[in-house]
Amino acid sequence: MIRRTRNEWLQLIEDQKNSHLTATDFCKNQGIDPKYFSLKKAKLQESEPASPFVKVQSPMITNSELSLSWAGADIHLPADTSPIWLAQFMRELVK
């Protein structure tokens, strides 16, 4: 069995979370006994103080668009169109 530091175990636990694999499958890939992994994870989580911070993930990017209908014309723009540009564009349409 490989001896690991506390930080190495914390990294392995984080890697398992990010892998989207079950703990058993992750351990199988890493050559770790799943029971020992679960034991270490439980012990480390007990000793970790609760963090007031929450991990934030970027929102999923989709290929959505903005649709405008003006004077019988349909205008399709990318969803990430600048609001400043869009406001200027709409001002020009009114002229």
PDB file of N, CA and C in Angstrom:
ATOM      1  N   MET A   1       0.840  -1.181   0.000  1.00  0.00           N
ATOM      2  CA  MET A   1       0.000   0.000   0.000  1.00  0.00           C
ATOM      3  C   MET A   1       0.888   1.247   0.000  1.00  0.00           C
ATOM      4  N   ILE A   2       0.484   2.244  -0.782  1.00  0.00           N
ATOM      5  CA  ILE A   2       1.236   3.496  -0.874  1.00  0.00           C
ATOM      6  C   ILE A   2       0.834   4.409   0.280  1.00  0.00           C
ATOM      7  N   ARG A   3       1.849   4.975   0.958  1.00  0.00           N
ATOM      8  CA  ARG A   3       1.564   5.954   2.014  1.00  0.00           C
ATOM      9  C   ARG A   3       1.321   7.306   1.361  1.00  0.00           C
ATOM     10  N   ARG A   4       0.260   7.964   1.778  1.00  0.00           N
ATOM     11  CA  ARG A   4      -0.081   9.270   1.213  1.00  0.00           C
ATOM     12  C   ARG A   4      -0.233  10.293   2.327  1.00  0.00           C
ATOM     13  N   THR A   5       0.095  11.525   2.005  1.00  0.00           N
ATOM     14  CA  THR A   5      -0.071  12.610   2.971  1.00  0.00           C
ATOM     15  C   THR A   5      -1.542  13.018   3.006  1.00  0.00           C
ATOM     16  N   ARG A   6      -1.862  13.818   3.990  1.00  0.00           N
ATOM     17  CA  ARG A   6      -3.226  14.320   4.142  1.00  0.00           C
ATOM     18  C   ARG A   6      -3.637  15.090   2.876  1.00  0.00           C
ATOM     19  N   ASN A   7      -2.743  15.932   2.373  1.00  0.00           N
ATOM     20  CA  ASN A   7      -3.045  16.703   1.164  1.00  0.00           C
ATOM     21  C   ASN A   7      -3.239  15.818  -0.055  1.00  0.00           C
ATOM     22  N   GLU A   8      -2.473  14.752  -0.141  1.00  0.00           N
ATOM     23  CA  GLU A   8      -2.640  13.820  -1.262  1.00  0.00           C
ATOM     24  C   GLU A   8      -4.010  13.146  -1.194  1.00  0.00           C
ATOM     25  N   TRP A   9      -4.447  12.780   0.018  1.00  0.00           N
ATOM     26  CA  TRP A   9      -5.773  12.179   0.177  1.00  0.00           C
ATOM     27  C   TRP A   9      -6.868  13.180  -0.175  1.00  0.00           C
ATOM     28  N   LEU A  10      -6.702  14.412   0.266  1.00  0.00           N
ATOM     29  CA  LEU A  10      -7.692  15.442  -0.062  1.00  0.00           C
ATOM     30  C   LEU A  10      -7.775  15.641  -1.573  1.00  0.00           C
ATOM     31  N   GLN A  11      -6.614  15.608  -2.241  1.00  0.00           N
ATOM     32  CA  GLN A  11      -6.600  15.751  -3.701  1.00  0.00           C
ATOM     33  C   GLN A  11      -7.286  14.562  -4.368  1.00  0.00           C
ATOM     34  N   LEU A  12      -7.031  13.362  -3.868  1.00  0.00           N
ATOM     35  CA  LEU A  12      -7.686  12.173  -4.428  1.00  0.00           C
ATOM     36  C   LEU A  12      -9.202  12.252  -4.269  1.00  0.00           C
ATOM     37  N   ILE A  13      -9.646  12.717  -3.114  1.00  0.00           N
ATOM     38  CA  ILE A  13     -11.087  12.845  -2.870  1.00  0.00           C
ATOM     39  C   ILE A  13     -11.689  13.866  -3.838  1.00  0.00           C
ATOM     40  N   GLU A  14     -10.999  14.975  -4.034  1.00  0.00           N
ATOM     41  CA  GLU A  14     -11.457  15.997  -4.983  1.00  0.00           C
ATOM     42  C   GLU A  14     -11.452  15.446  -6.409  1.00  0.00           C
ATOM     43  N   ASP A  15     -10.407  14.706  -6.756  1.00  0.00           N
ATOM     44  CA  ASP A  15     -10.319  14.100  -8.093  1.00  0.00           C
ATOM     45  C   ASP A  15     -11.478  13.135  -8.326  1.00  0.00           C
ATOM     46  N   GLN A  16     -11.821  12.374  -7.303  1.00  0.00           N
ATOM     47  CA  GLN A  16     -12.943  11.430  -7.435  1.00  0.00           C
ATOM     48  C   GLN A  16     -14.245  12.181  -7.666  1.00  0.00           C
ATOM     49  N   LYS A  17     -14.457  13.269  -6.920  1.00  0.00           N
ATOM     50  CA  LYS A  17     -15.676  14.077  -7.113  1.00  0.00           C
ATOM     51  C   LYS A  17     -15.753  14.609  -8.530  1.00  0.00           C
ATOM     52  N   ASN A  18     -14.642  15.140  -9.015  1.00  0.00           N
ATOM     53  CA  ASN A  18     -14.614  15.749 -10.350  1.00  0.00           C
ATOM     54  C   ASN A  18     -14.662  14.720 -11.473  1.00  0.00           C
ATOM     55  N   SER A  19     -14.337  13.479 -11.168  1.00  0.00           N
ATOM     56  CA  SER A  19     -14.309  12.448 -12.208  1.00  0.00           C
ATOM     57  C   SER A  19     -15.704  11.966 -12.593  1.00  0.00           C
ATOM     58  N   HIS A  20     -16.688  12.232 -11.742  1.00  0.00           N
ATOM     59  CA  HIS A  20     -18.064  11.766 -11.940  1.00  0.00           C
ATOM     60  C   HIS A  20     -18.151  10.239 -11.976  1.00  0.00           C
ATOM     61  N   LEU A  21     -17.127   9.586 -11.436  1.00  0.00           N
ATOM     62  CA  LEU A  21     -17.148   8.133 -11.293  1.00  0.00           C
ATOM     63  C   LEU A  21     -17.603   7.796  -9.882  1.00  0.00           C
ATOM     64  N   THR A  22     -18.131   6.586  -9.712  1.00  0.00           N
ATOM     65  CA  THR A  22     -18.424   6.150  -8.360  1.00  0.00           C
ATOM     66  C   THR A  22     -17.093   5.981  -7.643  1.00  0.00           C
ATOM     67  N   ALA A  23     -17.136   6.021  -6.322  1.00  0.00           N
ATOM     68  CA  ALA A  23     -15.910   5.847  -5.544  1.00  0.00           C
ATOM     69  C   ALA A  23     -15.263   4.503  -5.879  1.00  0.00           C
ATOM     70  N   THR A  24     -16.082   3.477  -6.048  1.00  0.00           N
ATOM     71  CA  THR A  24     -15.557   2.139  -6.364  1.00  0.00           C
ATOM     72  C   THR A  24     -14.823   2.131  -7.696  1.00  0.00           C
ATOM     73  N   ASP A  25     -15.434   2.723  -8.725  1.00  0.00           N
ATOM     74  CA  ASP A  25     -14.792   2.761 -10.048  1.00  0.00           C
ATOM     75  C   ASP A  25     -13.531   3.618 -10.027  1.00  0.00           C
ATOM     76  N   PHE A  26     -13.589   4.751  -9.322  1.00  0.00           N
ATOM     77  CA  PHE A  26     -12.414   5.610  -9.214  1.00  0.00           C
ATOM     78  C   PHE A  26     -11.266   4.854  -8.537  1.00  0.00           C
ATOM     79  N   CYS A  27     -11.583   4.191  -7.429  1.00  0.00           N
ATOM     80  CA  CYS A  27     -10.554   3.445  -6.695  1.00  0.00           C
ATOM     81  C   CYS A  27      -9.964   2.328  -7.543  1.00  0.00           C
ATOM     82  N   LYS A  28     -10.804   1.678  -8.307  1.00  0.00           N
ATOM     83  CA  LYS A  28     -10.344   0.599  -9.182  1.00  0.00           C
ATOM     84  C   LYS A  28      -9.324   1.152 -10.184  1.00  0.00           C
ATOM     85  N   ASN A  29      -9.624   2.326 -10.757  1.00  0.00           N
ATOM     86  CA  ASN A  29      -8.707   2.953 -11.713  1.00  0.00           C
ATOM     87  C   ASN A  29      -7.408   3.407 -11.068  1.00  0.00           C
ATOM     88  N   GLN A  30      -7.478   3.803  -9.788  1.00  0.00           N
ATOM     89  CA  GLN A  30      -6.310   4.320  -9.079  1.00  0.00           C
ATOM     90  C   GLN A  30      -5.542   3.235  -8.314  1.00  0.00           C
ATOM     91  N   GLY A  31      -6.093   2.029  -8.265  1.00  0.00           N
ATOM     92  CA  GLY A  31      -5.439   0.950  -7.519  1.00  0.00           C
ATOM     93  C   GLY A  31      -5.547   1.141  -6.012  1.00  0.00           C
ATOM     94  N   ILE A  32      -6.670   1.692  -5.556  1.00  0.00           N
ATOM     95  CA  ILE A  32      -6.893   1.945  -4.132  1.00  0.00           C
ATOM     96  C   ILE A  32      -8.022   1.039  -3.645  1.00  0.00           C
ATOM     97  N   ASP A  33      -7.886   0.534  -2.414  1.00  0.00           N
ATOM     98  CA  ASP A  33      -8.951  -0.262  -1.817  1.00  0.00           C
ATOM     99  C   ASP A  33     -10.146   0.658  -1.543  1.00  0.00           C
ATOM    100  N   PRO A  34     -11.315   0.388  -2.145  1.00  0.00           N
ATOM    101  CA  PRO A  34     -12.472   1.263  -1.980  1.00  0.00           C
ATOM    102  C   PRO A  34     -12.901   1.442  -0.520  1.00  0.00           C
ATOM    103  N   LYS A  35     -12.784   0.398   0.283  1.00  0.00           N
ATOM    104  CA  LYS A  35     -13.166   0.507   1.697  1.00  0.00           C
ATOM    105  C   LYS A  35     -12.228   1.468   2.428  1.00  0.00           C
ATOM    106  N   TYR A  36     -10.935   1.380   2.130  1.00  0.00           N
ATOM    107  CA  TYR A  36      -9.963   2.258   2.766  1.00  0.00           C
ATOM    108  C   TYR A  36     -10.177   3.704   2.309  1.00  0.00           C
ATOM    109  N   PHE A  37     -10.485   3.886   1.035  1.00  0.00           N
ATOM    110  CA  PHE A  37     -10.766   5.212   0.495  1.00  0.00           C
ATOM    111  C   PHE A  37     -11.956   5.831   1.228  1.00  0.00           C
ATOM    112  N   SER A  38     -13.022   5.069   1.397  1.00  0.00           N
ATOM    113  CA  SER A  38     -14.212   5.571   2.096  1.00  0.00           C
ATOM    114  C   SER A  38     -13.896   5.917   3.544  1.00  0.00           C
ATOM    115  N   LEU A  39     -13.090   5.098   4.194  1.00  0.00           N
ATOM    116  CA  LEU A  39     -12.699   5.353   5.578  1.00  0.00           C
ATOM    117  C   LEU A  39     -11.898   6.657   5.667  1.00  0.00           C
ATOM    118  N   LYS A  40     -10.902   6.815   4.801  1.00  0.00           N
ATOM    119  CA  LYS A  40     -10.082   8.036   4.810  1.00  0.00           C
ATOM    120  C   LYS A  40     -10.938   9.267   4.497  1.00  0.00           C
ATOM    121  N   LYS A  41     -11.840   9.131   3.553  1.00  0.00           N
ATOM    122  CA  LYS A  41     -12.710  10.240   3.173  1.00  0.00           C
ATOM    123  C   LYS A  41     -13.574  10.671   4.357  1.00  0.00           C
ATOM    124  N   ALA A  42     -14.158   9.704   5.050  1.00  0.00           N
ATOM    125  CA  ALA A  42     -15.008  10.012   6.208  1.00  0.00           C
ATOM    126  C   ALA A  42     -14.198  10.685   7.314  1.00  0.00           C
ATOM    127  N   LYS A  43     -13.005  10.177   7.582  1.00  0.00           N
ATOM    128  CA  LYS A  43     -12.171  10.757   8.635  1.00  0.00           C
ATOM    129  C   LYS A  43     -11.734  12.175   8.285  1.00  0.00           C
ATOM    130  N   LEU A  44     -11.362  12.387   7.045  1.00  0.00           N
ATOM    131  CA  LEU A  44     -10.913  13.713   6.632  1.00  0.00           C
ATOM    132  C   LEU A  44     -12.072  14.717   6.620  1.00  0.00           C
ATOM    133  N   GLN A  45     -13.244  14.268   6.261  1.00  0.00           N
ATOM    134  CA  GLN A  45     -14.390  15.168   6.245  1.00  0.00           C
ATOM    135  C   GLN A  45     -14.819  15.530   7.664  1.00  0.00           C
ATOM    136  N   GLU A  46     -14.631  14.616   8.604  1.00  0.00           N
ATOM    137  CA  GLU A  46     -14.930  14.913  10.010  1.00  0.00           C
ATOM    138  C   GLU A  46     -14.007  16.003  10.529  1.00  0.00           C
ATOM    139  N   SER A  47     -12.734  15.938  10.138  1.00  0.00           N
ATOM    140  CA  SER A  47     -11.738  16.863  10.660  1.00  0.00           C
ATOM    141  C   SER A  47     -11.726  18.200   9.932  1.00  0.00           C
ATOM    142  N   GLU A  48     -12.367  18.283   8.770  1.00  0.00           N
ATOM    143  CA  GLU A  48     -12.395  19.523   7.995  1.00  0.00           C
ATOM    144  C   GLU A  48     -13.442  20.468   8.581  1.00  0.00           C
ATOM    145  N   PRO A  49     -13.044  21.682   8.935  1.00  0.00           N
ATOM    146  CA  PRO A  49     -14.049  22.646   9.381  1.00  0.00           C
ATOM    147  C   PRO A  49     -14.930  23.045   8.198  1.00  0.00           C
ATOM    148  N   ALA A  50     -16.193  23.292   8.477  1.00  0.00           N
ATOM    149  CA  ALA A  50     -17.103  23.696   7.408  1.00  0.00           C
ATOM    150  C   ALA A  50     -16.667  25.050   6.867  1.00  0.00           C
ATOM    151  N   SER A  51     -16.570  25.156   5.579  1.00  0.00           N
ATOM    152  CA  SER A  51     -16.140  26.398   4.940  1.00  0.00           C
ATOM    153  C   SER A  51     -17.350  27.298   4.703  1.00  0.00           C
ATOM    154  N   PRO A  52     -17.190  28.583   4.937  1.00  0.00           N
ATOM    155  CA  PRO A  52     -18.299  29.492   4.649  1.00  0.00           C
ATOM    156  C   PRO A  52     -18.436  29.768   3.147  1.00  0.00           C
ATOM    157  N   PHE A  53     -17.484  29.263   2.371  1.00  0.00           N
ATOM    158  CA  PHE A  53     -17.500  29.501   0.937  1.00  0.00           C
ATOM    159  C   PHE A  53     -18.160  28.336   0.208  1.00  0.00           C
ATOM    160  N   VAL A  54     -18.784  28.658  -0.887  1.00  0.00           N
ATOM    161  CA  VAL A  54     -19.428  27.664  -1.732  1.00  0.00           C
ATOM    162  C   VAL A  54     -18.710  27.665  -3.067  1.00  0.00           C
ATOM    163  N   LYS A  55     -18.422  26.493  -3.584  1.00  0.00           N
ATOM    164  CA  LYS A  55     -17.769  26.400  -4.883  1.00  0.00           C
ATOM    165  C   LYS A  55     -18.768  26.791  -5.965  1.00  0.00           C
ATOM    166  N   VAL A  56     -18.378  27.747  -6.788  1.00  0.00           N
ATOM    167  CA  VAL A  56     -19.247  28.244  -7.845  1.00  0.00           C
ATOM    168  C   VAL A  56     -18.746  27.713  -9.173  1.00  0.00           C
ATOM    169  N   GLN A  57     -19.669  27.247  -9.987  1.00  0.00           N
ATOM    170  CA  GLN A  57     -19.294  26.771 -11.300  1.00  0.00           C
ATOM    171  C   GLN A  57     -19.908  27.682 -12.346  1.00  0.00           C
ATOM    172  N   SER A  58     -19.227  27.832 -13.453  1.00  0.00           N
ATOM    173  CA  SER A  58     -19.743  28.657 -14.537  1.00  0.00           C
ATOM    174  C   SER A  58     -21.027  28.047 -15.075  1.00  0.00           C
ATOM    175  N   PRO A  59     -21.952  28.882 -15.484  1.00  0.00           N
ATOM    176  CA  PRO A  59     -23.170  28.330 -16.072  1.00  0.00           C
ATOM    177  C   PRO A  59     -22.868  27.644 -17.394  1.00  0.00           C
ATOM    178  N   MET A  60     -23.681  26.694 -17.730  1.00  0.00           N
ATOM    179  CA  MET A  60     -23.503  25.972 -18.982  1.00  0.00           C
ATOM    180  C   MET A  60     -23.785  26.927 -20.143  1.00  0.00           C
ATOM    181  N   ILE A  61     -22.912  26.923 -21.110  1.00  0.00           N
ATOM    182  CA  ILE A  61     -23.092  27.794 -22.264  1.00  0.00           C
ATOM    183  C   ILE A  61     -23.956  27.074 -23.294  1.00  0.00           C
ATOM    184  N   THR A  62     -24.977  27.757 -23.745  1.00  0.00           N
ATOM    185  CA  THR A  62     -25.849  27.174 -24.758  1.00  0.00           C
ATOM    186  C   THR A  62     -25.781  28.033 -26.015  1.00  0.00           C
ATOM    187  N   ASN A  63     -26.261  27.501 -27.075  1.00  0.00           N
ATOM    188  CA  ASN A  63     -26.277  28.231 -28.340  1.00  0.00           C
ATOM    189  C   ASN A  63     -27.603  28.945 -28.518  1.00  0.00           C
ATOM    190  N   SER A  64     -28.024  29.702 -27.517  1.00  0.00           N
ATOM    191  CA  SER A  64     -29.289  30.403 -27.626  1.00  0.00           C
ATOM    192  C   SER A  64     -29.083  31.732 -28.334  1.00  0.00           C
ATOM    193  N   GLU A  65     -30.181  32.323 -28.709  1.00  0.00           N
ATOM    194  CA  GLU A  65     -30.110  33.579 -29.423  1.00  0.00           C
ATOM    195  C   GLU A  65     -31.234  34.497 -28.983  1.00  0.00           C
ATOM    196  N   LEU A  66     -31.073  35.774 -29.303  1.00  0.00           N
ATOM    197  CA  LEU A  66     -32.111  36.766 -29.066  1.00  0.00           C
ATOM    198  C   LEU A  66     -32.878  36.929 -30.360  1.00  0.00           C
ATOM    199  N   SER A  67     -34.180  37.019 -30.255  1.00  0.00           N
ATOM    200  CA  SER A  67     -35.002  37.236 -31.446  1.00  0.00           C
ATOM    201  C   SER A  67     -35.788  38.517 -31.264  1.00  0.00           C
ATOM    202  N   LEU A  68     -35.693  39.382 -32.245  1.00  0.00           N
ATOM    203  CA  LEU A  68     -36.446  40.633 -32.241  1.00  0.00           C
ATOM    204  C   LEU A  68     -37.341  40.664 -33.465  1.00  0.00           C
ATOM    205  N   SER A  69     -38.533  41.144 -33.267  1.00  0.00           N
ATOM    206  CA  SER A  69     -39.433  41.355 -34.403  1.00  0.00           C
ATOM    207  C   SER A  69     -39.697  42.849 -34.484  1.00  0.00           C
ATOM    208  N   TRP A  70     -39.428  43.439 -35.651  1.00  0.00           N
ATOM    209  CA  TRP A  70     -39.588  44.885 -35.806  1.00  0.00           C
ATOM    210  C   TRP A  70     -40.082  45.179 -37.217  1.00  0.00           C
ATOM    211  N   ALA A  71     -41.201  45.808 -37.301  1.00  0.00           N
ATOM    212  CA  ALA A  71     -41.777  46.233 -38.586  1.00  0.00           C
ATOM    213  C   ALA A  71     -41.845  45.075 -39.588  1.00  0.00           C
ATOM    214  N   GLY A  72     -42.271  43.924 -39.118  1.00  0.00           N
ATOM    215  CA  GLY A  72     -42.428  42.771 -39.995  1.00  0.00           C
ATOM    216  C   GLY A  72     -41.156  42.001 -40.267  1.00  0.00           C
ATOM    217  N   ALA A  73     -40.058  42.423 -39.700  1.00  0.00           N
ATOM    218  CA  ALA A  73     -38.783  41.719 -39.905  1.00  0.00           C
ATOM    219  C   ALA A  73     -38.386  40.996 -38.611  1.00  0.00           C
ATOM    220  N   ASP A  74     -37.878  39.808 -38.760  1.00  0.00           N
ATOM    221  CA  ASP A  74     -37.357  39.052 -37.615  1.00  0.00           C
ATOM    222  C   ASP A  74     -35.844  39.168 -37.621  1.00  0.00           C
ATOM    223  N   ILE A  75     -35.303  39.579 -36.476  1.00  0.00           N
ATOM    224  CA  ILE A  75     -33.859  39.749 -36.341  1.00  0.00           C
ATOM    225  C   ILE A  75     -33.369  38.771 -35.290  1.00  0.00           C
ATOM    226  N   HIS A  76     -32.383  37.969 -35.639  1.00  0.00           N
ATOM    227  CA  HIS A  76     -31.817  36.973 -34.721  1.00  0.00           C
ATOM    228  C   HIS A  76     -30.374  37.362 -34.412  1.00  0.00           C
ATOM    229  N   LEU A  77     -30.087  37.465 -33.111  1.00  0.00           N
ATOM    230  CA  LEU A  77     -28.756  37.844 -32.659  1.00  0.00           C
ATOM    231  C   LEU A  77     -28.236  36.813 -31.666  1.00  0.00           C
ATOM    232  N   PRO A  78     -26.910  36.667 -31.548  1.00  0.00           N
ATOM    233  CA  PRO A  78     -26.366  35.751 -30.539  1.00  0.00           C
ATOM    234  C   PRO A  78     -26.774  36.211 -29.138  1.00  0.00           C
ATOM    235  N   ALA A  79     -26.976  35.268 -28.233  1.00  0.00           N
ATOM    236  CA  ALA A  79     -27.403  35.582 -26.869  1.00  0.00           C
ATOM    237  C   ALA A  79     -26.373  36.417 -26.126  1.00  0.00           C
ATOM    238  N   ASP A  80     -25.117  36.347 -26.516  1.00  0.00           N
ATOM    239  CA  ASP A  80     -24.087  37.112 -25.821  1.00  0.00           C
ATOM    240  C   ASP A  80     -23.860  38.493 -26.440  1.00  0.00           C
ATOM    241  N   THR A  81     -24.824  38.958 -27.228  1.00  0.00           N
ATOM    242  CA  THR A  81     -24.733  40.286 -27.823  1.00  0.00           C
ATOM    243  C   THR A  81     -24.645  41.327 -26.711  1.00  0.00           C
ATOM    244  N   SER A  82     -23.774  42.286 -26.877  1.00  0.00           N
ATOM    245  CA  SER A  82     -23.580  43.337 -25.884  1.00  0.00           C
ATOM    246  C   SER A  82     -24.875  44.128 -25.685  1.00  0.00           C
ATOM    247  N   PRO A  83     -25.297  44.318 -24.434  1.00  0.00           N
ATOM    248  CA  PRO A  83     -26.497  45.110 -24.176  1.00  0.00           C
ATOM    249  C   PRO A  83     -26.357  46.553 -24.672  1.00  0.00           C
ATOM    250  N   ILE A  84     -25.143  47.092 -24.605  1.00  0.00           N
ATOM    251  CA  ILE A  84     -24.908  48.463 -25.083  1.00  0.00           C
ATOM    252  C   ILE A  84     -25.111  48.524 -26.590  1.00  0.00           C
ATOM    253  N   TRP A  85     -24.554  47.559 -27.298  1.00  0.00           N
ATOM    254  CA  TRP A  85     -24.721  47.510 -28.745  1.00  0.00           C
ATOM    255  C   TRP A  85     -26.193  47.347 -29.100  1.00  0.00           C
ATOM    256  N   LEU A  86     -26.896  46.474 -28.380  1.00  0.00           N
ATOM    257  CA  LEU A  86     -28.308  46.216 -28.654  1.00  0.00           C
ATOM    258  C   LEU A  86     -29.144  47.478 -28.426  1.00  0.00           C
ATOM    259  N   ALA A  87     -28.854  48.226 -27.353  1.00  0.00           N
ATOM    260  CA  ALA A  87     -29.578  49.467 -27.083  1.00  0.00           C
ATOM    261  C   ALA A  87     -29.355  50.474 -28.216  1.00  0.00           C
ATOM    262  N   GLN A  88     -28.108  50.590 -28.664  1.00  0.00           N
ATOM    263  CA  GLN A  88     -27.792  51.505 -29.762  1.00  0.00           C
ATOM    264  C   GLN A  88     -28.508  51.065 -31.041  1.00  0.00           C
ATOM    265  N   PHE A  89     -28.521  49.776 -31.302  1.00  0.00           N
ATOM    266  CA  PHE A  89     -29.187  49.226 -32.476  1.00  0.00           C
ATOM    267  C   PHE A  89     -30.674  49.557 -32.454  1.00  0.00           C
ATOM    268  N   MET A  90     -31.300  49.396 -31.280  1.00  0.00           N
ATOM    269  CA  MET A  90     -32.738  49.674 -31.165  1.00  0.00           C
ATOM    270  C   MET A  90     -33.020  51.169 -31.326  1.00  0.00           C
ATOM    271  N   ARG A  91     -32.112  52.015 -30.818  1.00  0.00           N
ATOM    272  CA  ARG A  91     -32.267  53.467 -31.023  1.00  0.00           C
ATOM    273  C   ARG A  91     -32.237  53.798 -32.518  1.00  0.00           C
ATOM    274  N   GLU A  92     -31.337  53.152 -33.236  1.00  0.00           N
ATOM    275  CA  GLU A  92     -31.228  53.399 -34.686  1.00  0.00           C
ATOM    276  C   GLU A  92     -32.476  52.927 -35.428  1.00  0.00           C
ATOM    277  N   LEU A  93     -33.089  51.855 -34.967  1.00  0.00           N
ATOM    278  CA  LEU A  93     -34.312  51.359 -35.611  1.00  0.00           C
ATOM    279  C   LEU A  93     -35.459  52.361 -35.470  1.00  0.00           C
ATOM    280  N   VAL A  94     -35.501  53.062 -34.369  1.00  0.00           N
ATOM    281  CA  VAL A  94     -36.574  54.004 -34.084  1.00  0.00           C
ATOM    282  C   VAL A  94     -36.452  55.255 -34.936  1.00  0.00           C
ATOM    283  N   LYS A  95     -35.242  55.625 -35.336  1.00  0.00           N
ATOM    284  CA  LYS A  95     -35.023  56.853 -36.118  1.00  0.00           C
ATOM    285  C   LYS A  95     -35.735  56.823 -37.451  1.00  0.00           C
TER     286      LYS A  95
END
